[in-house]
PDB file of N, CA and C in Angstrom:
ATOM      1  N   MET A   1      56.786   5.853 -73.440  1.00  0.00           N
ATOM      2  CA  MET A   1      55.810   4.523 -73.939  1.00  0.00           C
ATOM      3  C   MET A   1      56.332   4.321 -74.747  1.00  0.00           C
ATOM      4  N   PHE A   2      55.868   5.164 -75.781  1.00  0.00           N
ATOM      5  CA  PHE A   2      56.228   5.379 -77.219  1.00  0.00           C
ATOM      6  C   PHE A   2      56.703   6.371 -78.148  1.00  0.00           C
ATOM      7  N   HIS A   3      57.846   6.049 -78.809  1.00  0.00           N
ATOM      8  CA  HIS A   3      59.145   6.743 -78.802  1.00  0.00           C
ATOM      9  C   HIS A   3      58.499   7.930 -80.242  1.00  0.00           C
ATOM     10  N   SER A   4      57.719   7.363 -80.732  1.00  0.00           N
ATOM     11  CA  SER A   4      57.334   8.521 -81.698  1.00  0.00           C
ATOM     12  C   SER A   4      55.791   8.713 -81.890  1.00  0.00           C
ATOM     13  N   ARG A   5      55.415  10.076 -83.098  1.00  0.00           N
ATOM     14  CA  ARG A   5      54.090   9.920 -82.705  1.00  0.00           C
ATOM     15  C   ARG A   5      53.293   8.567 -83.847  1.00  0.00           C
ATOM     16  N   ALA A   6      53.990   7.996 -84.702  1.00  0.00           N
ATOM     17  CA  ALA A   6      53.986   7.121 -85.752  1.00  0.00           C
ATOM     18  C   ALA A   6      53.372   5.483 -84.716  1.00  0.00           C
ATOM     19  N   GLY A   7      54.473   5.513 -84.033  1.00  0.00           N
ATOM     20  CA  GLY A   7      54.256   4.061 -82.766  1.00  0.00           C
ATOM     21  C   GLY A   7      52.967   4.333 -82.098  1.00  0.00           C
ATOM     22  N   LEU A   8      52.884   5.493 -81.692  1.00  0.00           N
ATOM     23  CA  LEU A   8      51.416   5.706 -80.918  1.00  0.00           C
ATOM     24  C   LEU A   8      50.229   5.881 -81.976  1.00  0.00           C
ATOM     25  N   SER A   9      50.077   5.999 -82.723  1.00  0.00           N
ATOM     26  CA  SER A   9      48.893   6.122 -83.774  1.00  0.00           C
ATOM     27  C   SER A   9      48.570   4.848 -84.397  1.00  0.00           C
ATOM     28  N   LEU A  10      50.254   3.592 -84.607  1.00  0.00           N
ATOM     29  CA  LEU A  10      49.917   2.938 -84.652  1.00  0.00           C
ATOM     30  C   LEU A  10      48.994   1.581 -83.897  1.00  0.00           C
ATOM     31  N   PHE A  11      49.893   1.705 -82.877  1.00  0.00           N
ATOM     32  CA  PHE A  11      48.969   1.358 -81.107  1.00  0.00           C
ATOM     33  C   PHE A  11      47.560   1.662 -81.338  1.00  0.00           C
ATOM     34  N   LEU A  12      47.039   2.576 -81.612  1.00  0.00           N
ATOM     35  CA  LEU A  12      45.545   2.990 -81.231  1.00  0.00           C
ATOM     36  C   LEU A  12      44.943   2.214 -82.439  1.00  0.00           C
ATOM     37  N   PHE A  13      45.349   2.708 -83.527  1.00  0.00           N
ATOM     38  CA  PHE A  13      44.969   1.979 -84.837  1.00  0.00           C
ATOM     39  C   PHE A  13      44.981   0.443 -84.715  1.00  0.00           C
ATOM     40  N   ALA A  14      45.660  -0.195 -84.084  1.00  0.00           N
ATOM     41  CA  ALA A  14      45.709  -1.724 -83.953  1.00  0.00           C
ATOM     42  C   ALA A  14      44.620  -1.983 -82.337  1.00  0.00           C
ATOM     43  N   ARG A  15      43.826  -0.950 -81.925  1.00  0.00           N
ATOM     44  CA  ARG A  15      43.060  -1.539 -80.617  1.00  0.00           C
ATOM     45  C   ARG A  15      41.860  -1.036 -81.176  1.00  0.00           C
ATOM     46  N   ASN A  16      42.041  -0.003 -81.838  1.00  0.00           N
ATOM     47  CA  ASN A  16      40.662   0.425 -82.474  1.00  0.00           C
ATOM     48  C   ASN A  16      40.099  -0.671 -83.242  1.00  0.00           C
ATOM     49  N   PHE A  17      40.946  -1.176 -84.077  1.00  0.00           N
ATOM     50  CA  PHE A  17      40.432  -2.143 -84.840  1.00  0.00           C
ATOM     51  C   PHE A  17      40.231  -3.381 -84.279  1.00  0.00           C
ATOM     52  N   PHE A  18      40.629  -3.512 -83.224  1.00  0.00           N
ATOM     53  CA  PHE A  18      40.398  -4.700 -82.713  1.00  0.00           C
ATOM     54  C   PHE A  18      39.084  -5.031 -81.969  1.00  0.00           C
ATOM     55  N   LEU A  19      38.500  -3.480 -81.648  1.00  0.00           N
ATOM     56  CA  LEU A  19      37.842  -3.320 -80.841  1.00  0.00           C
ATOM     57  C   LEU A  19      36.159  -3.057 -82.019  1.00  0.00           C
ATOM     58  N   PHE A  20      37.163  -2.719 -83.123  1.00  0.00           N
ATOM     59  CA  PHE A  20      35.696  -2.716 -84.252  1.00  0.00           C
ATOM     60  C   PHE A  20      35.656  -4.348 -84.577  1.00  0.00           C
ATOM     61  N   LEU A  21      36.442  -5.069 -84.636  1.00  0.00           N
ATOM     62  CA  LEU A  21      36.006  -6.399 -84.979  1.00  0.00           C
ATOM     63  C   LEU A  21      35.457  -6.678 -83.760  1.00  0.00           C
ATOM     64  N   PHE A  22      35.794  -6.949 -82.427  1.00  0.00           N
ATOM     65  CA  PHE A  22      35.026  -7.449 -81.615  1.00  0.00           C
ATOM     66  C   PHE A  22      33.264  -7.166 -81.433  1.00  0.00           C
ATOM     67  N   SER A  23      33.140  -5.929 -81.670  1.00  0.00           N
ATOM     68  CA  SER A  23      31.837  -5.061 -81.804  1.00  0.00           C
ATOM     69  C   SER A  23      30.838  -5.724 -82.820  1.00  0.00           C
ATOM     70  N   ALA A  24      31.257  -5.796 -84.476  1.00  0.00           N
ATOM     71  CA  ALA A  24      30.687  -6.255 -85.218  1.00  0.00           C
ATOM     72  C   ALA A  24      30.929  -7.896 -85.151  1.00  0.00           C
ATOM     73  N   GLU A  25      31.858  -8.666 -84.058  1.00  0.00           N
ATOM     74  CA  GLU A  25      31.604  -9.879 -84.052  1.00  0.00           C
ATOM     75  C   GLU A  25      29.876 -10.123 -83.238  1.00  0.00           C
ATOM     76  N   GLN A  26      29.641  -9.205 -82.085  1.00  0.00           N
ATOM     77  CA  GLN A  26      28.797  -9.409 -81.089  1.00  0.00           C
ATOM     78  C   GLN A  26      27.497  -9.011 -81.557  1.00  0.00           C
ATOM     79  N   VAL A  27      27.480  -7.643 -82.767  1.00  0.00           N
ATOM     80  CA  VAL A  27      26.297  -7.397 -83.693  1.00  0.00           C
ATOM     81  C   VAL A  27      25.550  -8.975 -84.365  1.00  0.00           C
ATOM     82  N   MET A  28      27.068  -9.479 -85.436  1.00  0.00           N
ATOM     83  CA  MET A  28      26.742 -10.211 -85.707  1.00  0.00           C
ATOM     84  C   MET A  28      25.987 -11.572 -85.230  1.00  0.00           C
ATOM     85  N   ALA A  29      26.513 -11.732 -83.972  1.00  0.00           N
ATOM     86  CA  ALA A  29      25.716 -13.307 -83.021  1.00  0.00           C
ATOM     87  C   ALA A  29      24.460 -12.288 -82.630  1.00  0.00           C
ATOM     88  N   ARG A  30      24.013 -11.644 -82.710  1.00  0.00           N
ATOM     89  CA  ARG A  30      22.619 -11.052 -82.374  1.00  0.00           C
ATOM     90  C   ARG A  30      21.699 -10.791 -83.383  1.00  0.00           C
ATOM     91  N   GLN A  31      22.402 -10.940 -84.856  1.00  0.00           N
ATOM     92  CA  GLN A  31      21.153 -10.500 -85.950  1.00  0.00           C
ATOM     93  C   GLN A  31      22.060 -11.524 -86.972  1.00  0.00           C
ATOM     94  N   PRO A  32      21.799 -12.677 -86.855  1.00  0.00           N
ATOM     95  CA  PRO A  32      22.662 -13.545 -87.966  1.00  0.00           C
ATOM     96  C   PRO A  32      21.969 -13.064 -89.448  1.00  0.00           C
ATOM     97  N   LYS A  33      20.675 -12.527 -89.556  1.00  0.00           N
ATOM     98  CA  LYS A  33      19.914 -12.664 -90.833  1.00  0.00           C
ATOM     99  C   LYS A  33      20.463 -11.329 -91.551  1.00  0.00           C
ATOM    100  N   GLU A  34      20.710 -10.224 -90.678  1.00  0.00           N
ATOM    101  CA  GLU A  34      21.035  -8.906 -91.490  1.00  0.00           C
ATOM    102  C   GLU A  34      22.125  -8.900 -92.127  1.00  0.00           C
ATOM    103  N   LYS A  35      22.215  -9.035 -93.405  1.00  0.00           N
ATOM    104  CA  LYS A  35      23.837  -9.509 -93.961  1.00  0.00           C
ATOM    105  C   LYS A  35      24.147  -7.804 -94.563  1.00  0.00           C
ATOM    106  N   ASN A  36      23.178  -6.535 -94.566  1.00  0.00           N
ATOM    107  CA  ASN A  36      23.188  -5.466 -95.117  1.00  0.00           C
ATOM    108  C   ASN A  36      24.077  -5.198 -94.087  1.00  0.00           C
ATOM    109  N   LEU A  37      23.423  -5.205 -92.935  1.00  0.00           N
ATOM    110  CA  LEU A  37      24.222  -4.407 -90.979  1.00  0.00           C
ATOM    111  C   LEU A  37      25.809  -4.894 -91.636  1.00  0.00           C
ATOM    112  N   GLN A  38      26.252  -6.062 -91.566  1.00  0.00           N
ATOM    113  CA  GLN A  38      27.339  -6.848 -91.829  1.00  0.00           C
ATOM    114  C   GLN A  38      28.393  -6.347 -92.504  1.00  0.00           C
ATOM    115  N   LYS A  39      27.662  -6.167 -93.679  1.00  0.00           N
ATOM    116  CA  LYS A  39      28.253  -5.240 -94.966  1.00  0.00           C
ATOM    117  C   LYS A  39      28.827  -3.726 -94.348  1.00  0.00           C
ATOM    118  N   LYS A  40      27.550  -2.929 -93.966  1.00  0.00           N
ATOM    119  CA  LYS A  40      28.039  -1.416 -93.289  1.00  0.00           C
ATOM    120  C   LYS A  40      28.960  -1.511 -92.681  1.00  0.00           C
ATOM    121  N   PHE A  41      29.073  -2.283 -91.164  1.00  0.00           N
ATOM    122  CA  PHE A  41      29.854  -2.685 -90.431  1.00  0.00           C
ATOM    123  C   PHE A  41      31.447  -3.024 -90.949  1.00  0.00           C
ATOM    124  N   PHE A  42      31.286  -3.726 -91.842  1.00  0.00           N
ATOM    125  CA  PHE A  42      33.031  -4.027 -92.530  1.00  0.00           C
ATOM    126  C   PHE A  42      33.294  -2.992 -92.990  1.00  0.00           C
ATOM    127  N   ASN A  43      32.475  -2.153 -94.129  1.00  0.00           N
ATOM    128  CA  ASN A  43      33.024  -1.009 -94.860  1.00  0.00           C
ATOM    129  C   ASN A  43      33.313  -0.097 -93.737  1.00  0.00           C
ATOM    130  N   VAL A  44      32.747   0.506 -92.980  1.00  0.00           N
ATOM    131  CA  VAL A  44      33.112   1.397 -91.611  1.00  0.00           C
ATOM    132  C   VAL A  44      34.423   1.140 -91.413  1.00  0.00           C
ATOM    133  N   GLY A  45      34.977   0.011 -91.106  1.00  0.00           N
ATOM    134  CA  GLY A  45      35.866  -0.564 -90.591  1.00  0.00           C
ATOM    135  C   GLY A  45      37.138   0.072 -91.571  1.00  0.00           C
ATOM    136  N   VAL A  46      36.689  -0.462 -93.000  1.00  0.00           N
ATOM    137  CA  VAL A  46      37.933  -0.249 -94.124  1.00  0.00           C
ATOM    138  C   VAL A  46      37.952   0.990 -94.420  1.00  0.00           C
ATOM    139  N   VAL A  47      37.203   1.818 -94.344  1.00  0.00           N
ATOM    140  CA  VAL A  47      37.066   3.103 -94.473  1.00  0.00           C
ATOM    141  C   VAL A  47      37.799   3.870 -93.191  1.00  0.00           C
ATOM    142  N   GLY A  48      37.845   3.340 -91.998  1.00  0.00           N
ATOM    143  CA  GLY A  48      38.546   3.788 -90.582  1.00  0.00           C
ATOM    144  C   GLY A  48      39.610   3.522 -90.815  1.00  0.00           C
ATOM    145  N   ALA A  49      40.223   2.117 -91.651  1.00  0.00           N
ATOM    146  CA  ALA A  49      41.851   2.170 -91.570  1.00  0.00           C
ATOM    147  C   ALA A  49      42.463   2.500 -92.614  1.00  0.00           C
ATOM    148  N   LYS A  50      41.924   2.932 -93.612  1.00  0.00           N
ATOM    149  CA  LYS A  50      42.203   3.906 -94.725  1.00  0.00           C
ATOM    150  C   LYS A  50      42.355   5.099 -94.166  1.00  0.00           C
ATOM    151  N   ARG A  51      41.892   5.358 -93.707  1.00  0.00           N
ATOM    152  CA  ARG A  51      41.894   6.548 -93.210  1.00  0.00           C
ATOM    153  C   ARG A  51      43.329   6.849 -92.300  1.00  0.00           C
ATOM    154  N   THR A  52      42.999   5.823 -91.265  1.00  0.00           N
ATOM    155  CA  THR A  52      43.945   5.618 -90.256  1.00  0.00           C
ATOM    156  C   THR A  52      45.516   5.697 -90.826  1.00  0.00           C
ATOM    157  N   ILE A  53      45.744   4.682 -92.268  1.00  0.00           N
ATOM    158  CA  ILE A  53      47.039   4.575 -92.576  1.00  0.00           C
ATOM    159  C   ILE A  53      47.404   5.940 -93.668  1.00  0.00           C
ATOM    160  N   PHE A  54      46.717   6.522 -94.580  1.00  0.00           N
ATOM    161  CA  PHE A  54      46.694   7.713 -94.620  1.00  0.00           C
ATOM    162  C   PHE A  54      47.446   8.584 -94.208  1.00  0.00           C
ATOM    163  N   ARG A  55      46.424   8.717 -92.458  1.00  0.00           N
ATOM    164  CA  ARG A  55      47.143  10.202 -91.990  1.00  0.00           C
ATOM    165  C   ARG A  55      48.456   9.216 -91.124  1.00  0.00           C
ATOM    166  N   LEU A  56      48.877   8.194 -90.971  1.00  0.00           N
ATOM    167  CA  LEU A  56      50.103   7.670 -90.410  1.00  0.00           C
ATOM    168  C   LEU A  56      51.200   8.019 -91.688  1.00  0.00           C
ATOM    169  N   LEU A  57      50.748   7.769 -92.943  1.00  0.00           N
ATOM    170  CA  LEU A  57      51.889   8.092 -93.681  1.00  0.00           C
ATOM    171  C   LEU A  57      52.055   9.628 -94.240  1.00  0.00           C
ATOM    172  N   LEU A  58      51.172  10.592 -94.026  1.00  0.00           N
ATOM    173  CA  LEU A  58      50.723  11.868 -93.800  1.00  0.00           C
ATOM    174  C   LEU A  58      51.562  11.905 -92.918  1.00  0.00           C
ATOM    175  N   HIS A  59      51.738  11.506 -91.317  1.00  0.00           N
ATOM    176  CA  HIS A  59      53.093  12.152 -90.364  1.00  0.00           C
ATOM    177  C   HIS A  59      53.812  11.632 -90.639  1.00  0.00           C
ATOM    178  N   ARG A  60      54.364  10.239 -91.432  1.00  0.00           N
ATOM    179  CA  ARG A  60      55.359  10.481 -91.780  1.00  0.00           C
ATOM    180  C   ARG A  60      55.884  11.235 -92.436  1.00  0.00           C
ATOM    181  N   LYS A  61      55.994  11.435 -93.587  1.00  0.00           N
ATOM    182  CA  LYS A  61      56.163  12.609 -94.387  1.00  0.00           C
ATOM    183  C   LYS A  61      56.107  13.752 -93.789  1.00  0.00           C
ATOM    184  N   ILE A  62      55.621  14.424 -92.954  1.00  0.00           N
ATOM    185  CA  ILE A  62      55.665  15.685 -91.604  1.00  0.00           C
ATOM    186  C   ILE A  62      57.203  15.384 -91.076  1.00  0.00           C
ATOM    187  N   LEU A  63      57.167  14.453 -90.666  1.00  0.00           N
ATOM    188  CA  LEU A  63      58.076  13.888 -89.655  1.00  0.00           C
ATOM    189  C   LEU A  63      59.761  13.885 -89.986  1.00  0.00           C
ATOM    190  N   ILE A  64      59.581  13.312 -91.832  1.00  0.00           N
ATOM    191  CA  ILE A  64      60.855  13.012 -92.565  1.00  0.00           C
ATOM    192  C   ILE A  64      61.085  14.073 -93.015  1.00  0.00           C
TER     193      ILE A  64
END
């Protein structure tokens, strides 16, 4: 299905990102007053995204 590991990790990243957005939305809908929680969820997502992108670049370098 996927030609390279980069393609696979990109797919997994996209899937995880959408799952994260969905779960964050669910949490916010349940607790609209908790701004800190909202911020925490967002930060976790950003850190995860950065880590995934870094890993992708690392794999690319190794593959090239």
